[in-house]
Amino acid sequence: MEFYQSVGYLLFGTRLRRLSEAFLQDVNRLYRKHKIRFEASWFPVFYLLSQQEELSIKEIAGSLHISHSAASQLVSSLQEKGLVRSVVSRSDARHKVVTFSPRGHKLLQQVLPVWKAMQEAMEELSDEAAASRNLLKALTAVENNIVKKGVFERIEQKLQK
């Protein structure tokens, strides 16, 4: 680990990916241990649907900042597993929306306690050191700065000097 820390920002993306992979691996391991047939990659769509009963693919894509195609693939995968379904919108019969299937609702009830425990555990983890207490704020700031001007543009600008 010292190598990664000593190289600084040159390995920033690699460190974030390693951290993300370790986190997702542990979360998936937790689901398996508790015999919950859920994958961490499903979380964004499940969470959105837990907050709103029905969402269009366009709304899912917009909320997750992903392409319509990527959102459609996520939803298709969940449909194949019988966890969500595409139905005519209650508010506008011209549109189709995604909702939980009965099986998806049942799975949601199983994962909700895990999500609560995960939130508490991650808050505890971030509070363990002063430097990590503002991790989410710092991450949000970096994400917002990248939206304003991406890494590519920033590096290109440095190369032009």
C-alpha atoms as a PDB file:
ATOM      1  CA  MET A   1       0.000   0.000   0.000  1.00  0.00           C
ATOM      2  CA  GLU A   2       2.904   2.380   0.639  1.00  0.00           C
ATOM      3  CA  PHE A   3       3.713   2.424  -3.095  1.00  0.00           C
ATOM      4  CA  TYR A   4       0.219   3.625  -3.984  1.00  0.00           C
ATOM      5  CA  GLN A   5       0.299   6.313  -1.332  1.00  0.00           C
ATOM      6  CA  SER A   6       3.793   7.493  -2.246  1.00  0.00           C
ATOM      7  CA  VAL A   7       2.982   8.110  -5.932  1.00  0.00           C
ATOM      8  CA  GLY A   8       0.237  10.599  -5.100  1.00  0.00           C
ATOM      9  CA  TYR A   9      -2.216  11.781  -7.743  1.00  0.00           C
ATOM     10  CA  LEU A  10      -0.593   9.744 -10.519  1.00  0.00           C
ATOM     11  CA  LEU A  11      -2.412   6.721  -9.075  1.00  0.00           C
ATOM     12  CA  PHE A  12      -5.536   8.567  -7.942  1.00  0.00           C
ATOM     13  CA  GLY A  13      -7.855   6.683 -10.302  1.00  0.00           C
ATOM     14  CA  THR A  14      -6.209   3.362  -9.528  1.00  0.00           C
ATOM     15  CA  ARG A  15      -6.613   3.918  -5.788  1.00  0.00           C
ATOM     16  CA  LEU A  16     -10.272   4.866  -6.186  1.00  0.00           C
ATOM     17  CA  ARG A  17     -10.876   1.768  -8.323  1.00  0.00           C
ATOM     18  CA  ARG A  18      -9.100  -0.490  -5.817  1.00  0.00           C
ATOM     19  CA  LEU A  19     -11.099   1.018  -2.951  1.00  0.00           C
ATOM     20  CA  SER A  20     -14.335   0.627  -4.903  1.00  0.00           C
ATOM     21  CA  GLU A  21     -13.566  -2.981  -5.822  1.00  0.00           C
ATOM     22  CA  ALA A  22     -12.706  -3.858  -2.208  1.00  0.00           C
ATOM     23  CA  PHE A  23     -15.884  -2.195  -0.965  1.00  0.00           C
ATOM     24  CA  LEU A  24     -18.137  -3.898  -3.543  1.00  0.00           C
ATOM     25  CA  GLN A  25     -16.460  -7.259  -2.934  1.00  0.00           C
ATOM     26  CA  ASP A  26     -17.139  -7.014   0.801  1.00  0.00           C
ATOM     27  CA  VAL A  27     -20.730  -5.899   0.251  1.00  0.00           C
ATOM     28  CA  ASN A  28     -21.395  -8.781  -2.155  1.00  0.00           C
ATOM     29  CA  ARG A  29     -19.766 -11.174   0.301  1.00  0.00           C
ATOM     30  CA  LEU A  30     -22.093  -9.875   3.005  1.00  0.00           C
ATOM     31  CA  TYR A  31     -25.164 -10.473   0.825  1.00  0.00           C
ATOM     32  CA  ARG A  32     -23.977 -14.033   0.115  1.00  0.00           C
ATOM     33  CA  LYS A  33     -23.280 -14.725   3.806  1.00  0.00           C
ATOM     34  CA  HIS A  34     -26.818 -13.691   4.696  1.00  0.00           C
ATOM     35  CA  LYS A  35     -28.237 -15.668   1.750  1.00  0.00           C
ATOM     36  CA  ILE A  36     -29.605 -12.542   0.076  1.00  0.00           C
ATOM     37  CA  ARG A  37     -29.577 -12.937  -3.692  1.00  0.00           C
ATOM     38  CA  PHE A  38     -28.592  -9.345  -4.416  1.00  0.00           C
ATOM     39  CA  GLU A  39     -25.655  -7.806  -6.262  1.00  0.00           C
ATOM     40  CA  ALA A  40     -24.145  -4.469  -5.237  1.00  0.00           C
ATOM     41  CA  SER A  41     -24.316  -3.306  -8.859  1.00  0.00           C
ATOM     42  CA  TRP A  42     -28.131  -3.382  -8.624  1.00  0.00           C
ATOM     43  CA  PHE A  43     -28.155  -0.897  -5.754  1.00  0.00           C
ATOM     44  CA  PRO A  44     -28.639   2.352  -7.723  1.00  0.00           C
ATOM     45  CA  VAL A  45     -31.789   1.160  -9.509  1.00  0.00           C
ATOM     46  CA  PHE A  46     -33.154  -0.566  -6.403  1.00  0.00           C
ATOM     47  CA  TYR A  47     -32.546   2.520  -4.316  1.00  0.00           C
ATOM     48  CA  LEU A  48     -34.219   4.827  -6.832  1.00  0.00           C
ATOM     49  CA  LEU A  49     -37.248   2.537  -7.048  1.00  0.00           C
ATOM     50  CA  SER A  50     -37.391   2.300  -3.254  1.00  0.00           C
ATOM     51  CA  GLN A  51     -37.781   6.091  -3.199  1.00  0.00           C
ATOM     52  CA  GLN A  52     -40.313   6.313  -6.048  1.00  0.00           C
ATOM     53  CA  GLU A  53     -42.750   3.611  -7.089  1.00  0.00           C
ATOM     54  CA  GLU A  54     -42.184   4.030 -10.802  1.00  0.00           C
ATOM     55  CA  LEU A  55     -39.497   5.580 -12.960  1.00  0.00           C
ATOM     56  CA  SER A  56     -38.888   5.792 -16.676  1.00  0.00           C
ATOM     57  CA  ILE A  57     -35.591   4.639 -18.159  1.00  0.00           C
ATOM     58  CA  LYS A  58     -34.899   8.296 -18.950  1.00  0.00           C
ATOM     59  CA  GLU A  59     -35.418   9.256 -15.292  1.00  0.00           C
ATOM     60  CA  ILE A  60     -33.143   6.427 -14.125  1.00  0.00           C
ATOM     61  CA  ALA A  61     -30.451   7.452 -16.612  1.00  0.00           C
ATOM     62  CA  GLY A  62     -30.712  11.093 -15.553  1.00  0.00           C
ATOM     63  CA  SER A  63     -30.594  10.346 -11.837  1.00  0.00           C
ATOM     64  CA  LEU A  64     -27.567   8.073 -12.213  1.00  0.00           C
ATOM     65  CA  HIS A  65     -25.807  10.275 -14.798  1.00  0.00           C
ATOM     66  CA  ILE A  66     -25.477   7.357 -17.204  1.00  0.00           C
ATOM     67  CA  SER A  67     -26.556   6.889 -20.790  1.00  0.00           C
ATOM     68  CA  HIS A  68     -30.072   5.791 -21.677  1.00  0.00           C
ATOM     69  CA  SER A  69     -28.531   2.622 -23.112  1.00  0.00           C
ATOM     70  CA  ALA A  70     -26.680   1.819 -19.881  1.00  0.00           C
ATOM     71  CA  ALA A  71     -29.835   2.390 -17.815  1.00  0.00           C
ATOM     72  CA  SER A  72     -31.802   0.210 -20.211  1.00  0.00           C
ATOM     73  CA  GLN A  73     -29.227  -2.589 -19.858  1.00  0.00           C
ATOM     74  CA  LEU A  74     -29.371  -2.386 -16.051  1.00  0.00           C
ATOM     75  CA  VAL A  75     -33.159  -2.553 -16.103  1.00  0.00           C
ATOM     76  CA  SER A  76     -33.173  -5.392 -18.669  1.00  0.00           C
ATOM     77  CA  SER A  77     -30.848  -7.398 -16.445  1.00  0.00           C
ATOM     78  CA  LEU A  78     -33.160  -6.896 -13.467  1.00  0.00           C
ATOM     79  CA  GLN A  79     -36.188  -7.780 -15.614  1.00  0.00           C
ATOM     80  CA  GLU A  80     -34.545 -11.049 -16.688  1.00  0.00           C
ATOM     81  CA  LYS A  81     -34.148 -11.910 -13.004  1.00  0.00           C
ATOM     82  CA  GLY A  82     -37.817 -11.111 -12.385  1.00  0.00           C
ATOM     83  CA  LEU A  83     -37.051  -8.236  -9.999  1.00  0.00           C
ATOM     84  CA  VAL A  84     -38.561  -5.351 -11.947  1.00  0.00           C
ATOM     85  CA  ARG A  85     -41.100  -4.995 -14.693  1.00  0.00           C
ATOM     86  CA  SER A  86     -41.980  -2.450 -17.313  1.00  0.00           C
ATOM     87  CA  VAL A  87     -45.581  -1.244 -17.127  1.00  0.00           C
ATOM     88  CA  VAL A  88     -47.749   1.567 -18.461  1.00  0.00           C
ATOM     89  CA  SER A  89     -47.426   4.648 -16.263  1.00  0.00           C
ATOM     90  CA  ARG A  90     -50.340   5.342 -13.948  1.00  0.00           C
ATOM     91  CA  SER A  91     -49.975   9.065 -14.525  1.00  0.00           C
ATOM     92  CA  ASP A  92     -49.481   8.980 -18.320  1.00  0.00           C
ATOM     93  CA  ALA A  93     -50.692   5.991 -20.319  1.00  0.00           C
ATOM     94  CA  ARG A  94     -48.432   7.018 -23.231  1.00  0.00           C
ATOM     95  CA  HIS A  95     -45.295   6.121 -21.257  1.00  0.00           C
ATOM     96  CA  LYS A  96     -43.810   2.938 -19.881  1.00  0.00           C
ATOM     97  CA  VAL A  97     -42.159   2.939 -16.482  1.00  0.00           C
ATOM     98  CA  VAL A  98     -40.134   0.543 -14.377  1.00  0.00           C
ATOM     99  CA  THR A  99     -41.544  -0.781 -11.098  1.00  0.00           C
ATOM    100  CA  PHE A 100     -40.647  -3.534  -8.678  1.00  0.00           C
ATOM    101  CA  SER A 101     -42.164  -6.928  -9.327  1.00  0.00           C
ATOM    102  CA  PRO A 102     -43.519  -8.775  -6.258  1.00  0.00           C
ATOM    103  CA  ARG A 103     -40.217 -10.657  -6.147  1.00  0.00           C
ATOM    104  CA  GLY A 104     -38.319  -7.339  -6.306  1.00  0.00           C
ATOM    105  CA  HIS A 105     -40.392  -5.922  -3.431  1.00  0.00           C
ATOM    106  CA  LYS A 106     -39.577  -9.000  -1.360  1.00  0.00           C
ATOM    107  CA  LEU A 107     -35.872  -8.652  -2.113  1.00  0.00           C
ATOM    108  CA  LEU A 108     -36.010  -4.948  -1.232  1.00  0.00           C
ATOM    109  CA  GLN A 109     -37.336  -5.856   2.226  1.00  0.00           C
ATOM    110  CA  GLN A 110     -34.357  -8.198   2.685  1.00  0.00           C
ATOM    111  CA  VAL A 111     -31.748  -5.611   1.676  1.00  0.00           C
ATOM    112  CA  LEU A 112     -33.124  -2.622   3.598  1.00  0.00           C
ATOM    113  CA  PRO A 113     -31.616  -3.756   6.945  1.00  0.00           C
ATOM    114  CA  VAL A 114     -28.288  -4.353   5.182  1.00  0.00           C
ATOM    115  CA  TRP A 115     -28.370  -0.842   3.725  1.00  0.00           C
ATOM    116  CA  LYS A 116     -29.080   0.628   7.167  1.00  0.00           C
ATOM    117  CA  ALA A 117     -26.187  -1.317   8.710  1.00  0.00           C
ATOM    118  CA  MET A 118     -23.941  -0.342   5.789  1.00  0.00           C
ATOM    119  CA  GLN A 119     -24.751   3.357   6.253  1.00  0.00           C
ATOM    120  CA  GLU A 120     -23.931   3.117   9.960  1.00  0.00           C
ATOM    121  CA  ALA A 121     -20.722   1.141   9.347  1.00  0.00           C
ATOM    122  CA  MET A 122     -19.494   3.585   6.697  1.00  0.00           C
ATOM    123  CA  GLU A 123     -20.225   6.566   8.956  1.00  0.00           C
ATOM    124  CA  GLU A 124     -18.258   4.836  11.714  1.00  0.00           C
ATOM    125  CA  LEU A 125     -15.394   4.102   9.302  1.00  0.00           C
ATOM    126  CA  SER A 126     -15.190   7.693   8.113  1.00  0.00           C
ATOM    127  CA  ASP A 127     -15.284   9.008  11.699  1.00  0.00           C
ATOM    128  CA  GLU A 128     -12.278   6.911  12.778  1.00  0.00           C
ATOM    129  CA  ALA A 129      -9.757   9.460  11.542  1.00  0.00           C
ATOM    130  CA  ALA A 130      -9.968  13.240  11.361  1.00  0.00           C
ATOM    131  CA  ALA A 131      -8.755  13.210   7.746  1.00  0.00           C
ATOM    132  CA  SER A 132     -11.628  10.991   6.610  1.00  0.00           C
ATOM    133  CA  ARG A 133     -14.465  12.807   8.383  1.00  0.00           C
ATOM    134  CA  ASN A 134     -15.117  15.009   5.360  1.00  0.00           C
ATOM    135  CA  LEU A 135     -14.519  12.323   2.761  1.00  0.00           C
ATOM    136  CA  LEU A 136     -17.963  12.558   1.142  1.00  0.00           C
ATOM    137  CA  LYS A 137     -17.775  16.364   0.986  1.00  0.00           C
ATOM    138  CA  ALA A 138     -14.318  16.166  -0.570  1.00  0.00           C
ATOM    139  CA  LEU A 139     -15.450  13.529  -3.067  1.00  0.00           C
ATOM    140  CA  THR A 140     -18.446  15.674  -4.024  1.00  0.00           C
ATOM    141  CA  ALA A 141     -16.165  18.666  -4.517  1.00  0.00           C
ATOM    142  CA  VAL A 142     -13.848  16.679  -6.811  1.00  0.00           C
ATOM    143  CA  GLU A 143     -16.844  15.346  -8.784  1.00  0.00           C
ATOM    144  CA  ASN A 144     -18.225  18.881  -9.194  1.00  0.00           C
ATOM    145  CA  ASN A 145     -14.829  20.215 -10.263  1.00  0.00           C
ATOM    146  CA  ILE A 146     -14.529  17.461 -12.886  1.00  0.00           C
ATOM    147  CA  VAL A 147     -17.934  18.421 -14.268  1.00  0.00           C
ATOM    148  CA  LYS A 148     -16.692  22.008 -14.654  1.00  0.00           C
ATOM    149  CA  LYS A 149     -13.445  20.939 -16.295  1.00  0.00           C
ATOM    150  CA  GLY A 150     -12.442  17.329 -16.856  1.00  0.00           C
ATOM    151  CA  VAL A 151      -9.126  15.691 -16.127  1.00  0.00           C
ATOM    152  CA  PHE A 152      -8.386  15.420 -19.865  1.00  0.00           C
ATOM    153  CA  GLU A 153      -8.765  19.181 -20.348  1.00  0.00           C
ATOM    154  CA  ARG A 154      -6.715  19.944 -17.266  1.00  0.00           C
ATOM    155  CA  ILE A 155      -3.812  17.735 -18.392  1.00  0.00           C
ATOM    156  CA  GLU A 156      -3.982  19.068 -21.952  1.00  0.00           C
ATOM    157  CA  GLN A 157      -3.764  22.611 -20.583  1.00  0.00           C
ATOM    158  CA  LYS A 158      -0.621  21.687 -18.624  1.00  0.00           C
ATOM    159  CA  LEU A 159       0.932  20.088 -21.703  1.00  0.00           C
ATOM    160  CA  GLN A 160       0.362  23.284 -23.717  1.00  0.00           C
ATOM    161  CA  LYS A 161       2.523  25.367 -21.337  1.00  0.00           C
END
